[in-house]
Amino acid sequence: MIQLVPQLKILVCVEPVDFRKGIDSLAALCRKQLDADPFSGAVFVFRNRAATTVKLLVYDGDGFWLCIKRLSRGKLGWWPEAGATPLHTLASRQLQVLLNNGSPSGARFAPEWRRLP
């Protein structure tokens, strides 16, 4: 089971990805195009071109998890815009909002009492 704890590093791939890709292809994409280590324990978040499905890729020390969420209807209401870097960082509570098809940038969260490293 993947727990979305505050200490978790979450990296969102800004550009859409071909969802025929499996674990090995997504891990290779992390290494080559995103310049990130797929074995780091970070959660990598990808979306398809139609913005109807999200994939999470994470290595837990024993192997990879690949989780998929496909919306029943509609499209994702929010996704980070392309910028200078191909990855966008999210906090765990922002990922929870995103997975429920909300807008993390518009969500109102309580201020963090103490930032975790």
Protein backbone atom coordinates (compact mmCIF):
# COMPACT_ATOMS: atom_id res chain seq x y z
CA MET A 1 0.00 0.00 0.00
CA ILE A 2 1.23 3.48 -0.83
CA GLN A 3 0.76 6.02 1.93
CA LEU A 4 0.78 9.69 1.05
CA VAL A 5 2.73 10.99 4.04
CA PRO A 6 4.02 14.58 4.32
CA GLN A 7 7.66 13.46 3.95
CA LEU A 8 6.99 11.86 0.56
CA LYS A 9 8.62 13.51 -2.45
CA ILE A 10 6.05 13.84 -5.25
CA LEU A 11 7.15 14.77 -8.77
CA VAL A 12 4.58 15.52 -11.46
CA CYS A 13 5.61 15.11 -15.10
CA VAL A 14 4.29 18.25 -16.75
CA GLU A 15 4.01 16.86 -20.29
CA PRO A 16 1.47 14.12 -21.14
CA VAL A 17 2.79 10.58 -21.54
CA ASP A 18 1.83 7.71 -23.85
CA PHE A 19 -0.15 5.45 -21.51
CA ARG A 20 0.84 2.30 -23.37
CA LYS A 21 4.06 2.65 -21.36
CA GLY A 22 4.46 0.26 -18.45
CA ILE A 23 6.76 0.25 -15.44
CA ASP A 24 10.03 -0.21 -17.33
CA SER A 25 9.26 2.45 -19.93
CA LEU A 26 8.13 4.97 -17.33
CA ALA A 27 11.23 4.29 -15.20
CA ALA A 28 13.40 4.85 -18.29
CA LEU A 29 11.53 8.08 -19.00
CA CYS A 30 12.27 9.22 -15.42
CA ARG A 31 15.98 8.56 -15.90
CA LYS A 32 16.51 9.83 -19.43
CA GLN A 33 14.02 12.64 -20.04
CA LEU A 34 13.24 13.85 -16.53
CA ASP A 35 16.75 13.38 -15.13
CA ALA A 36 15.36 11.79 -11.96
CA ASP A 37 16.10 8.50 -10.20
CA PRO A 38 13.06 6.18 -10.31
CA PHE A 39 14.61 4.14 -7.45
CA SER A 40 14.67 7.16 -5.10
CA GLY A 41 11.32 6.37 -3.46
CA ALA A 42 9.71 9.49 -4.93
CA VAL A 43 6.25 9.21 -6.41
CA PHE A 44 6.18 10.10 -10.11
CA VAL A 45 2.81 11.30 -11.41
CA PHE A 46 1.91 11.11 -15.10
CA ARG A 47 -1.21 11.91 -17.12
CA ASN A 48 -2.39 10.85 -20.54
CA ARG A 49 -2.94 13.22 -23.46
CA ALA A 50 -6.72 13.27 -23.01
CA ALA A 51 -6.28 14.28 -19.32
CA THR A 52 -8.67 11.53 -18.21
CA THR A 53 -6.18 9.19 -16.51
CA VAL A 54 -3.35 9.51 -13.99
CA LYS A 55 -0.56 7.00 -13.32
CA LEU A 56 1.60 6.92 -10.19
CA LEU A 57 4.97 5.16 -10.27
CA VAL A 58 6.91 4.55 -7.06
CA TYR A 59 9.69 2.22 -5.93
CA ASP A 60 9.24 0.97 -2.34
CA GLY A 61 12.54 -0.87 -1.87
CA ASP A 62 11.21 -4.26 -3.01
CA GLY A 63 9.77 -3.32 -6.37
CA PHE A 64 7.73 -0.82 -8.32
CA TRP A 65 4.11 0.10 -7.78
CA LEU A 66 2.13 1.34 -10.77
CA CYS A 67 -1.24 2.79 -9.81
CA ILE A 68 -3.81 4.07 -12.30
CA LYS A 69 -6.82 6.28 -11.77
CA ARG A 70 -9.19 6.84 -14.67
CA LEU A 71 -11.96 9.37 -14.25
CA SER A 72 -15.47 8.07 -14.88
CA ARG A 73 -16.31 11.21 -16.82
CA GLY A 74 -14.77 14.54 -17.60
CA LYS A 75 -11.13 15.58 -17.57
CA LEU A 76 -8.63 16.60 -14.94
CA GLY A 77 -9.50 20.10 -13.81
CA TRP A 78 -5.90 21.04 -13.00
CA TRP A 79 -2.42 20.13 -14.19
CA PRO A 80 0.82 22.10 -13.82
CA GLU A 81 1.73 24.20 -16.81
CA ALA A 82 4.87 23.56 -18.82
CA GLY A 83 7.75 25.66 -17.65
CA ALA A 84 11.51 25.61 -17.52
CA THR A 85 11.60 22.19 -15.85
CA PRO A 86 9.81 19.00 -16.93
CA LEU A 87 8.85 18.18 -13.31
CA HIS A 88 6.60 19.96 -10.84
CA THR A 89 6.75 19.24 -7.10
CA LEU A 90 3.59 18.66 -5.06
CA ALA A 91 2.96 18.13 -1.35
CA SER A 92 1.13 14.98 -0.31
CA ARG A 93 -2.04 16.86 0.54
CA GLN A 94 -1.96 18.54 -2.88
CA LEU A 95 -1.67 15.12 -4.57
CA GLN A 96 -4.73 13.92 -2.65
CA VAL A 97 -6.69 16.89 -4.00
CA LEU A 98 -5.42 16.25 -7.54
CA LEU A 99 -6.41 12.56 -7.38
CA ASN A 100 -9.92 13.65 -6.43
CA ASN A 101 -9.99 15.88 -9.53
CA GLY A 102 -9.56 19.09 -7.59
CA SER A 103 -7.23 22.02 -8.01
CA PRO A 104 -4.29 21.91 -5.58
CA SER A 105 -3.44 25.53 -6.40
CA GLY A 106 -6.94 26.65 -5.40
CA ALA A 107 -7.32 24.45 -2.32
CA ARG A 108 -7.24 26.12 1.07
CA PHE A 109 -4.98 24.26 3.47
CA ALA A 110 -4.15 25.05 7.06
CA PRO A 111 -0.67 26.55 7.33
CA GLU A 112 2.08 24.05 8.00
CA TRP A 113 3.08 24.10 11.63
CA ARG A 114 6.56 22.80 10.97
CA ARG A 115 8.00 21.84 7.60
CA LEU A 116 9.28 18.31 7.34
CA PRO A 117 12.59 17.69 5.53
